[in-house]
PDB file of N, CA and C in Angstrom:
ATOM      1  N   MET A   1      11.951 -32.863  79.776  1.00  0.00           N
ATOM      2  CA  MET A   1      13.103 -33.703  79.703  1.00  0.00           C
ATOM      3  C   MET A   1      14.178 -33.131  80.634  1.00  0.00           C
ATOM      4  N   THR A   2      14.854 -34.022  81.347  1.00  0.00           N
ATOM      5  CA  THR A   2      15.946 -33.642  82.231  1.00  0.00           C
ATOM      6  C   THR A   2      17.261 -34.031  81.579  1.00  0.00           C
ATOM      7  N   ILE A   3      18.174 -33.099  81.499  1.00  0.00           N
ATOM      8  CA  ILE A   3      19.499 -33.375  80.947  1.00  0.00           C
ATOM      9  C   ILE A   3      20.428 -33.686  82.109  1.00  0.00           C
ATOM     10  N   ALA A   4      20.927 -34.913  82.140  1.00  0.00           N
ATOM     11  CA  ALA A   4      21.738 -35.369  83.269  1.00  0.00           C
ATOM     12  C   ALA A   4      23.076 -34.648  83.348  1.00  0.00           C
ATOM     13  N   ASP A   5      23.593 -34.225  82.222  1.00  0.00           N
ATOM     14  CA  ASP A   5      24.894 -33.569  82.177  1.00  0.00           C
ATOM     15  C   ASP A   5      24.773 -32.290  81.340  1.00  0.00           C
ATOM     16  N   PRO A   6      24.184 -31.245  81.894  1.00  0.00           N
ATOM     17  CA  PRO A   6      23.900 -30.049  81.089  1.00  0.00           C
ATOM     18  C   PRO A   6      25.138 -29.384  80.498  1.00  0.00           C
ATOM     19  N   GLU A   7      26.287 -29.548  81.125  1.00  0.00           N
ATOM     20  CA  GLU A   7      27.508 -28.955  80.591  1.00  0.00           C
ATOM     21  C   GLU A   7      28.184 -29.849  79.564  1.00  0.00           C
ATOM     22  N   GLY A   8      27.709 -31.094  79.437  1.00  0.00           N
ATOM     23  CA  GLY A   8      28.265 -32.008  78.448  1.00  0.00           C
ATOM     24  C   GLY A   8      29.689 -32.448  78.743  1.00  0.00           C
ATOM     25  N   ARG A   9      30.033 -32.605  80.006  1.00  0.00           N
ATOM     26  CA  ARG A   9      31.408 -32.916  80.371  1.00  0.00           C
ATOM     27  C   ARG A   9      31.598 -34.344  80.880  1.00  0.00           C
ATOM     28  N   ALA A  10      30.557 -35.142  80.951  1.00  0.00           N
ATOM     29  CA  ALA A  10      30.664 -36.478  81.545  1.00  0.00           C
ATOM     30  C   ALA A  10      31.680 -37.345  80.806  1.00  0.00           C
ATOM     31  N   PHE A  11      31.637 -37.324  79.482  1.00  0.00           N
ATOM     32  CA  PHE A  11      32.567 -38.165  78.719  1.00  0.00           C
ATOM     33  C   PHE A  11      34.002 -37.651  78.866  1.00  0.00           C
ATOM     34  N   GLU A  12      34.158 -36.358  78.930  1.00  0.00           N
ATOM     35  CA  GLU A  12      35.475 -35.762  79.151  1.00  0.00           C
ATOM     36  C   GLU A  12      36.022 -36.179  80.518  1.00  0.00           C
ATOM     37  N   GLN A  13      35.185 -36.181  81.519  1.00  0.00           N
ATOM     38  CA  GLN A  13      35.607 -36.600  82.860  1.00  0.00           C
ATOM     39  C   GLN A  13      35.922 -38.094  82.895  1.00  0.00           C
ATOM     40  N   THR A  14      35.144 -38.869  82.165  1.00  0.00           N
ATOM     41  CA  THR A  14      35.417 -40.306  82.064  1.00  0.00           C
ATOM     42  C   THR A  14      36.772 -40.533  81.421  1.00  0.00           C
ATOM     43  N   ALA A  15      37.073 -39.795  80.370  1.00  0.00           N
ATOM     44  CA  ALA A  15      38.369 -39.918  79.693  1.00  0.00           C
ATOM     45  C   ALA A  15      39.509 -39.577  80.645  1.00  0.00           C
ATOM     46  N   TRP A  16      39.345 -38.506  81.415  1.00  0.00           N
ATOM     47  CA  TRP A  16      40.382 -38.139  82.382  1.00  0.00           C
ATOM     48  C   TRP A  16      40.612 -39.270  83.372  1.00  0.00           C
ATOM     49  N   LEU A  17      39.520 -39.828  83.895  1.00  0.00           N
ATOM     50  CA  LEU A  17      39.626 -40.915  84.865  1.00  0.00           C
ATOM     51  C   LEU A  17      40.302 -42.133  84.244  1.00  0.00           C
ATOM     52  N   MET A  18      39.946 -42.475  83.027  1.00  0.00           N
ATOM     53  CA  MET A  18      40.548 -43.636  82.359  1.00  0.00           C
ATOM     54  C   MET A  18      42.067 -43.489  82.233  1.00  0.00           C
ATOM     55  N   ARG A  19      42.522 -42.285  81.967  1.00  0.00           N
ATOM     56  CA  ARG A  19      43.969 -42.057  81.838  1.00  0.00           C
ATOM     57  C   ARG A  19      44.716 -42.312  83.144  1.00  0.00           C
ATOM     58  N   GLN A  20      44.005 -42.320  84.257  1.00  0.00           N
ATOM     59  CA  GLN A  20      44.636 -42.550  85.560  1.00  0.00           C
ATOM     60  C   GLN A  20      44.755 -44.039  85.894  1.00  0.00           C
ATOM     61  N   LEU A  21      44.101 -44.902  85.132  1.00  0.00           N
ATOM     62  CA  LEU A  21      44.037 -46.326  85.434  1.00  0.00           C
ATOM     63  C   LEU A  21      45.121 -47.111  84.709  1.00  0.00           C
ATOM     64  N   ASP A  22      45.489 -48.246  85.274  1.00  0.00           N
ATOM     65  CA  ASP A  22      46.471 -49.129  84.663  1.00  0.00           C
ATOM     66  C   ASP A  22      45.857 -50.015  83.591  1.00  0.00           C
ATOM     67  N   LEU A  23      44.558 -50.296  83.726  1.00  0.00           N
ATOM     68  CA  LEU A  23      43.895 -51.233  82.826  1.00  0.00           C
ATOM     69  C   LEU A  23      42.391 -51.002  82.868  1.00  0.00           C
ATOM     70  N   ILE A  24      41.764 -51.090  81.706  1.00  0.00           N
ATOM     71  CA  ILE A  24      40.308 -51.035  81.590  1.00  0.00           C
ATOM     72  C   ILE A  24      39.845 -52.404  81.103  1.00  0.00           C
ATOM     73  N   ILE A  25      38.853 -52.989  81.760  1.00  0.00           N
ATOM     74  CA  ILE A  25      38.221 -54.228  81.308  1.00  0.00           C
ATOM     75  C   ILE A  25      36.765 -53.893  81.040  1.00  0.00           C
ATOM     76  N   THR A  26      36.317 -54.124  79.803  1.00  0.00           N
ATOM     77  CA  THR A  26      34.990 -53.687  79.401  1.00  0.00           C
ATOM     78  C   THR A  26      34.443 -54.545  78.271  1.00  0.00           C
ATOM     79  N   PRO A  27      33.125 -54.638  78.159  1.00  0.00           N
ATOM     80  CA  PRO A  27      32.567 -55.250  76.959  1.00  0.00           C
ATOM     81  C   PRO A  27      32.665 -54.261  75.798  1.00  0.00           C
ATOM     82  N   ASP A  28      32.224 -54.685  74.642  1.00  0.00           N
ATOM     83  CA  ASP A  28      32.215 -53.824  73.462  1.00  0.00           C
ATOM     84  C   ASP A  28      31.161 -52.739  73.652  1.00  0.00           C
ATOM     85  N   ASN A  29      31.630 -51.545  73.975  1.00  0.00           N
ATOM     86  CA  ASN A  29      30.745 -50.397  74.144  1.00  0.00           C
ATOM     87  C   ASN A  29      31.557 -49.124  73.925  1.00  0.00           C
ATOM     88  N   ALA A  30      30.965 -47.986  74.181  1.00  0.00           N
ATOM     89  CA  ALA A  30      31.650 -46.713  73.965  1.00  0.00           C
ATOM     90  C   ALA A  30      32.911 -46.590  74.812  1.00  0.00           C
ATOM     91  N   LEU A  31      32.896 -47.156  76.011  1.00  0.00           N
ATOM     92  CA  LEU A  31      34.078 -47.072  76.872  1.00  0.00           C
ATOM     93  C   LEU A  31      35.259 -47.828  76.278  1.00  0.00           C
ATOM     94  N   ALA A  32      35.004 -48.934  75.600  1.00  0.00           N
ATOM     95  CA  ALA A  32      36.079 -49.685  74.938  1.00  0.00           C
ATOM     96  C   ALA A  32      36.749 -48.807  73.890  1.00  0.00           C
ATOM     97  N   HIS A  33      35.951 -48.087  73.122  1.00  0.00           N
ATOM     98  CA  HIS A  33      36.500 -47.224  72.073  1.00  0.00           C
ATOM     99  C   HIS A  33      37.205 -46.003  72.667  1.00  0.00           C
ATOM    100  N   LEU A  34      36.665 -45.451  73.725  1.00  0.00           N
ATOM    101  CA  LEU A  34      37.301 -44.311  74.373  1.00  0.00           C
ATOM    102  C   LEU A  34      38.656 -44.713  74.942  1.00  0.00           C
ATOM    103  N   ALA A  35      38.690 -45.804  75.689  1.00  0.00           N
ATOM    104  CA  ALA A  35      39.950 -46.263  76.279  1.00  0.00           C
ATOM    105  C   ALA A  35      40.967 -46.611  75.193  1.00  0.00           C
ATOM    106  N   GLY A  36      40.519 -47.312  74.168  1.00  0.00           N
ATOM    107  CA  GLY A  36      41.412 -47.651  73.062  1.00  0.00           C
ATOM    108  C   GLY A  36      41.951 -46.417  72.369  1.00  0.00           C
ATOM    109  N   GLY A  37      41.079 -45.445  72.130  1.00  0.00           N
ATOM    110  CA  GLY A  37      41.505 -44.204  71.490  1.00  0.00           C
ATOM    111  C   GLY A  37      42.469 -43.398  72.340  1.00  0.00           C
ATOM    112  N   LEU A  38      42.367 -43.532  73.641  1.00  0.00           N
ATOM    113  CA  LEU A  38      43.274 -42.834  74.558  1.00  0.00           C
ATOM    114  C   LEU A  38      44.609 -43.550  74.714  1.00  0.00           C
ATOM    115  N   GLY A  39      44.669 -44.793  74.232  1.00  0.00           N
ATOM    116  CA  GLY A  39      45.906 -45.566  74.374  1.00  0.00           C
ATOM    117  C   GLY A  39      46.066 -46.224  75.734  1.00  0.00           C
ATOM    118  N   VAL A  40      44.983 -46.307  76.493  1.00  0.00           N
ATOM    119  CA  VAL A  40      45.017 -46.968  77.797  1.00  0.00           C
ATOM    120  C   VAL A  40      44.950 -48.482  77.569  1.00  0.00           C
ATOM    121  N   PRO A  41      45.748 -49.275  78.252  1.00  0.00           N
ATOM    122  CA  PRO A  41      45.612 -50.728  78.117  1.00  0.00           C
ATOM    123  C   PRO A  41      44.162 -51.141  78.395  1.00  0.00           C
ATOM    124  N   THR A  42      43.576 -51.864  77.455  1.00  0.00           N
ATOM    125  CA  THR A  42      42.154 -52.186  77.509  1.00  0.00           C
ATOM    126  C   THR A  42      41.931 -53.629  77.099  1.00  0.00           C
ATOM    127  N   TRP A  43      41.173 -54.336  77.907  1.00  0.00           N
ATOM    128  CA  TRP A  43      40.757 -55.696  77.567  1.00  0.00           C
ATOM    129  C   TRP A  43      39.278 -55.633  77.233  1.00  0.00           C
ATOM    130  N   ILE A  44      38.954 -56.068  76.019  1.00  0.00           N
ATOM    131  CA  ILE A  44      37.582 -55.975  75.523  1.00  0.00           C
ATOM    132  C   ILE A  44      36.985 -57.376  75.451  1.00  0.00           C
ATOM    133  N   LEU A  45      35.854 -57.561  76.122  1.00  0.00           N
ATOM    134  CA  LEU A  45      35.185 -58.853  76.183  1.00  0.00           C
ATOM    135  C   LEU A  45      34.153 -58.921  75.065  1.00  0.00           C
ATOM    136  N   LEU A  46      34.284 -59.949  74.234  1.00  0.00           N
ATOM    137  CA  LEU A  46      33.443 -60.053  73.042  1.00  0.00           C
ATOM    138  C   LEU A  46      32.618 -61.332  73.029  1.00  0.00           C
ATOM    139  N   GLY A  47      31.424 -61.229  72.483  1.00  0.00           N
ATOM    140  CA  GLY A  47      30.584 -62.399  72.269  1.00  0.00           C
ATOM    141  C   GLY A  47      31.149 -63.256  71.141  1.00  0.00           C
ATOM    142  N   ARG A  48      30.540 -64.381  70.926  1.00  0.00           N
ATOM    143  CA  ARG A  48      31.006 -65.345  69.919  1.00  0.00           C
ATOM    144  C   ARG A  48      31.063 -64.740  68.526  1.00  0.00           C
ATOM    145  N   VAL A  49      30.060 -63.971  68.162  1.00  0.00           N
ATOM    146  CA  VAL A  49      30.041 -63.304  66.860  1.00  0.00           C
ATOM    147  C   VAL A  49      30.034 -61.798  67.116  1.00  0.00           C
ATOM    148  N   PRO A  50      31.221 -61.204  67.166  1.00  0.00           N
ATOM    149  CA  PRO A  50      31.311 -59.787  67.521  1.00  0.00           C
ATOM    150  C   PRO A  50      30.974 -58.888  66.334  1.00  0.00           C
ATOM    151  N   ASP A  51      30.881 -57.621  66.619  1.00  0.00           N
ATOM    152  CA  ASP A  51      30.716 -56.617  65.578  1.00  0.00           C
ATOM    153  C   ASP A  51      31.888 -56.714  64.597  1.00  0.00           C
ATOM    154  N   TRP A  52      31.679 -56.337  63.355  1.00  0.00           N
ATOM    155  CA  TRP A  52      32.663 -56.516  62.288  1.00  0.00           C
ATOM    156  C   TRP A  52      34.028 -55.896  62.616  1.00  0.00           C
ATOM    157  N   ARG A  53      34.050 -54.822  63.342  1.00  0.00           N
ATOM    158  CA  ARG A  53      35.336 -54.130  63.563  1.00  0.00           C
ATOM    159  C   ARG A  53      36.317 -54.935  64.413  1.00  0.00           C
ATOM    160  N   TRP A  54      35.827 -55.962  65.104  1.00  0.00           N
ATOM    161  CA  TRP A  54      36.702 -56.766  65.965  1.00  0.00           C
ATOM    162  C   TRP A  54      37.234 -58.005  65.255  1.00  0.00           C
ATOM    163  N   GLN A  55      36.937 -58.151  63.991  1.00  0.00           N
ATOM    164  CA  GLN A  55      37.338 -59.345  63.232  1.00  0.00           C
ATOM    165  C   GLN A  55      36.653 -60.577  63.822  1.00  0.00           C
ATOM    166  N   ILE A  56      36.966 -61.726  63.303  1.00  0.00           N
ATOM    167  CA  ILE A  56      36.331 -62.963  63.758  1.00  0.00           C
ATOM    168  C   ILE A  56      37.244 -63.746  64.715  1.00  0.00           C
ATOM    169  N   THR A  57      38.547 -63.627  64.547  1.00  0.00           N
ATOM    170  CA  THR A  57      39.482 -64.374  65.385  1.00  0.00           C
ATOM    171  C   THR A  57      40.604 -63.457  65.861  1.00  0.00           C
ATOM    172  N   GLY A  58      41.368 -63.958  66.802  1.00  0.00           N
ATOM    173  CA  GLY A  58      42.563 -63.262  67.267  1.00  0.00           C
ATOM    174  C   GLY A  58      42.309 -62.412  68.495  1.00  0.00           C
ATOM    175  N   GLN A  59      43.403 -62.069  69.151  1.00  0.00           N
ATOM    176  CA  GLN A  59      43.304 -61.238  70.354  1.00  0.00           C
ATOM    177  C   GLN A  59      43.821 -59.826  70.127  1.00  0.00           C
ATOM    178  N   ASP A  60      44.482 -59.605  68.988  1.00  0.00           N
ATOM    179  CA  ASP A  60      44.981 -58.268  68.686  1.00  0.00           C
ATOM    180  C   ASP A  60      43.881 -57.421  68.064  1.00  0.00           C
ATOM    181  N   CYS A  61      43.959 -56.138  68.307  1.00  0.00           N
ATOM    182  CA  CYS A  61      42.966 -55.201  67.794  1.00  0.00           C
ATOM    183  C   CYS A  61      43.642 -54.277  66.779  1.00  0.00           C
ATOM    184  N   HIS A  62      43.145 -54.283  65.568  1.00  0.00           N
ATOM    185  CA  HIS A  62      43.741 -53.450  64.521  1.00  0.00           C
ATOM    186  C   HIS A  62      43.471 -51.963  64.740  1.00  0.00           C
ATOM    187  N   TRP A  63      42.419 -51.650  65.443  1.00  0.00           N
ATOM    188  CA  TRP A  63      42.045 -50.253  65.669  1.00  0.00           C
ATOM    189  C   TRP A  63      42.832 -49.627  66.822  1.00  0.00           C
ATOM    190  N   TYR A  64      43.061 -50.421  67.856  1.00  0.00           N
ATOM    191  CA  TYR A  64      43.674 -49.891  69.071  1.00  0.00           C
ATOM    192  C   TYR A  64      44.825 -50.798  69.498  1.00  0.00           C
ATOM    193  N   PRO A  65      46.071 -50.375  69.301  1.00  0.00           N
ATOM    194  CA  PRO A  65      47.219 -51.229  69.625  1.00  0.00           C
ATOM    195  C   PRO A  65      47.330 -51.615  71.100  1.00  0.00           C
ATOM    196  N   THR A  66      46.738 -50.838  71.989  1.00  0.00           N
ATOM    197  CA  THR A  66      46.829 -51.153  73.424  1.00  0.00           C
ATOM    198  C   THR A  66      45.669 -52.028  73.902  1.00  0.00           C
ATOM    199  N   ALA A  67      44.823 -52.461  72.978  1.00  0.00           N
ATOM    200  CA  ALA A  67      43.667 -53.289  73.353  1.00  0.00           C
ATOM    201  C   ALA A  67      43.956 -54.763  73.098  1.00  0.00           C
ATOM    202  N   ARG A  68      43.370 -55.590  73.923  1.00  0.00           N
ATOM    203  CA  ARG A  68      43.432 -57.045  73.767  1.00  0.00           C
ATOM    204  C   ARG A  68      42.000 -57.565  73.783  1.00  0.00           C
ATOM    205  N   LEU A  69      41.711 -58.494  72.895  1.00  0.00           N
ATOM    206  CA  LEU A  69      40.358 -59.016  72.756  1.00  0.00           C
ATOM    207  C   LEU A  69      40.233 -60.378  73.422  1.00  0.00           C
ATOM    208  N   PHE A  70      39.190 -60.530  74.209  1.00  0.00           N
ATOM    209  CA  PHE A  70      38.859 -61.808  74.851  1.00  0.00           C
ATOM    210  C   PHE A  70      37.524 -62.258  74.268  1.00  0.00           C
ATOM    211  N   ARG A  71      37.525 -63.433  73.636  1.00  0.00           N
ATOM    212  CA  ARG A  71      36.360 -63.892  72.881  1.00  0.00           C
ATOM    213  C   ARG A  71      35.681 -65.102  73.509  1.00  0.00           C
ATOM    214  N   GLN A  72      34.373 -65.155  73.375  1.00  0.00           N
ATOM    215  CA  GLN A  72      33.642 -66.350  73.773  1.00  0.00           C
ATOM    216  C   GLN A  72      34.038 -67.499  72.841  1.00  0.00           C
ATOM    217  N   PRO A  73      34.363 -68.666  73.382  1.00  0.00           N
ATOM    218  CA  PRO A  73      34.663 -69.814  72.518  1.00  0.00           C
ATOM    219  C   PRO A  73      33.397 -70.401  71.894  1.00  0.00           C
ATOM    220  N   SER A  74      32.275 -70.227  72.566  1.00  0.00           N
ATOM    221  CA  SER A  74      30.989 -70.665  72.020  1.00  0.00           C
ATOM    222  C   SER A  74      29.918 -69.697  72.505  1.00  0.00           C
ATOM    223  N   HIS A  75      28.814 -69.660  71.782  1.00  0.00           N
ATOM    224  CA  HIS A  75      27.741 -68.717  72.092  1.00  0.00           C
ATOM    225  C   HIS A  75      27.292 -68.848  73.557  1.00  0.00           C
ATOM    226  N   GLY A  76      27.296 -67.734  74.266  1.00  0.00           N
ATOM    227  CA  GLY A  76      26.818 -67.700  75.640  1.00  0.00           C
ATOM    228  C   GLY A  76      27.824 -68.125  76.697  1.00  0.00           C
ATOM    229  N   ASP A  77      29.018 -68.522  76.286  1.00  0.00           N
ATOM    230  CA  ASP A  77      30.018 -69.022  77.242  1.00  0.00           C
ATOM    231  C   ASP A  77      30.880 -67.878  77.777  1.00  0.00           C
ATOM    232  N   TRP A  78      30.298 -67.117  78.691  1.00  0.00           N
ATOM    233  CA  TRP A  78      31.059 -66.042  79.329  1.00  0.00           C
ATOM    234  C   TRP A  78      31.967 -66.574  80.422  1.00  0.00           C
ATOM    235  N   ASN A  79      31.648 -67.724  80.964  1.00  0.00           N
ATOM    236  CA  ASN A  79      32.464 -68.297  82.031  1.00  0.00           C
ATOM    237  C   ASN A  79      33.911 -68.474  81.575  1.00  0.00           C
ATOM    238  N   SER A  80      34.106 -69.010  80.384  1.00  0.00           N
ATOM    239  CA  SER A  80      35.464 -69.198  79.859  1.00  0.00           C
ATOM    240  C   SER A  80      36.178 -67.863  79.670  1.00  0.00           C
ATOM    241  N   VAL A  81      35.431 -66.870  79.219  1.00  0.00           N
ATOM    242  CA  VAL A  81      36.015 -65.535  79.025  1.00  0.00           C
ATOM    243  C   VAL A  81      36.505 -64.984  80.359  1.00  0.00           C
ATOM    244  N   PHE A  82      35.653 -65.052  81.379  1.00  0.00           N
ATOM    245  CA  PHE A  82      36.030 -64.509  82.684  1.00  0.00           C
ATOM    246  C   PHE A  82      37.146 -65.311  83.347  1.00  0.00           C
ATOM    247  N   GLN A  83      37.195 -66.606  83.104  1.00  0.00           N
ATOM    248  CA  GLN A  83      38.305 -67.412  83.630  1.00  0.00           C
ATOM    249  C   GLN A  83      39.623 -66.973  83.001  1.00  0.00           C
ATOM    250  N   GLU A  84      39.613 -66.761  81.696  1.00  0.00           N
ATOM    251  CA  GLU A  84      40.839 -66.318  81.016  1.00  0.00           C
ATOM    252  C   GLU A  84      41.244 -64.920  81.482  1.00  0.00           C
ATOM    253  N   VAL A  85      40.281 -64.042  81.642  1.00  0.00           N
ATOM    254  CA  VAL A  85      40.578 -62.699  82.150  1.00  0.00           C
ATOM    255  C   VAL A  85      41.187 -62.791  83.547  1.00  0.00           C
ATOM    256  N   ALA A  86      40.651 -63.654  84.395  1.00  0.00           N
ATOM    257  CA  ALA A  86      41.178 -63.809  85.755  1.00  0.00           C
ATOM    258  C   ALA A  86      42.625 -64.284  85.729  1.00  0.00           C
ATOM    259  N   VAL A  87      42.937 -65.242  84.874  1.00  0.00           N
ATOM    260  CA  VAL A  87      44.309 -65.744  84.753  1.00  0.00           C
ATOM    261  C   VAL A  87      45.235 -64.619  84.293  1.00  0.00           C
ATOM    262  N   GLN A  88      44.824 -63.926  83.243  1.00  0.00           N
ATOM    263  CA  GLN A  88      45.657 -62.849  82.708  1.00  0.00           C
ATOM    264  C   GLN A  88      45.783 -61.686  83.691  1.00  0.00           C
ATOM    265  N   LEU A  89      44.729 -61.415  84.429  1.00  0.00           N
ATOM    266  CA  LEU A  89      44.767 -60.328  85.406  1.00  0.00           C
ATOM    267  C   LEU A  89      45.734 -60.634  86.543  1.00  0.00           C
ATOM    268  N   SER A  90      45.791 -61.889  86.964  1.00  0.00           N
ATOM    269  CA  SER A  90      46.737 -62.246  88.025  1.00  0.00           C
ATOM    270  C   SER A  90      48.174 -62.072  87.536  1.00  0.00           C
ATOM    271  N   GLN A  91      48.413 -62.339  86.260  1.00  0.00           N
ATOM    272  CA  GLN A  91      49.749 -62.130  85.692  1.00  0.00           C
ATOM    273  C   GLN A  91      50.032 -60.644  85.494  1.00  0.00           C
ATOM    274  N   PHE A  92      49.029 -59.901  85.095  1.00  0.00           N
ATOM    275  CA  PHE A  92      49.163 -58.460  84.868  1.00  0.00           C
ATOM    276  C   PHE A  92      49.531 -57.734  86.153  1.00  0.00           C
ATOM    277  N   SER A  93      48.923 -58.164  87.251  1.00  0.00           N
ATOM    278  CA  SER A  93      49.124 -57.461  88.516  1.00  0.00           C
ATOM    279  C   SER A  93      50.347 -57.923  89.290  1.00  0.00           C
ATOM    280  N   SER A  94      51.026 -58.961  88.799  1.00  0.00           N
ATOM    281  CA  SER A  94      52.206 -59.425  89.539  1.00  0.00           C
ATOM    282  C   SER A  94      53.489 -58.877  88.971  1.00  0.00           C
TER     283      SER A  94
END
């Protein structure tokens, strides 16, 4: 077996890098939780029926105050999610 990160520092380095960014856009994964835990502004893209911790409705995140949730309006409709992210991103960057 090959250990890709023998010193175990990859996640620590990822955290450092995230702190340098203005915004993280990610699906529901470990990076969403890391960014949220660090207090970095984070937009989390969720499927129609997300994991229980994201609740069923709303854009606010009870776990991470700096996170915003973007939800599929219907199963498989990522196009609407990405359109909304694009609109919000243009406002965020202006």
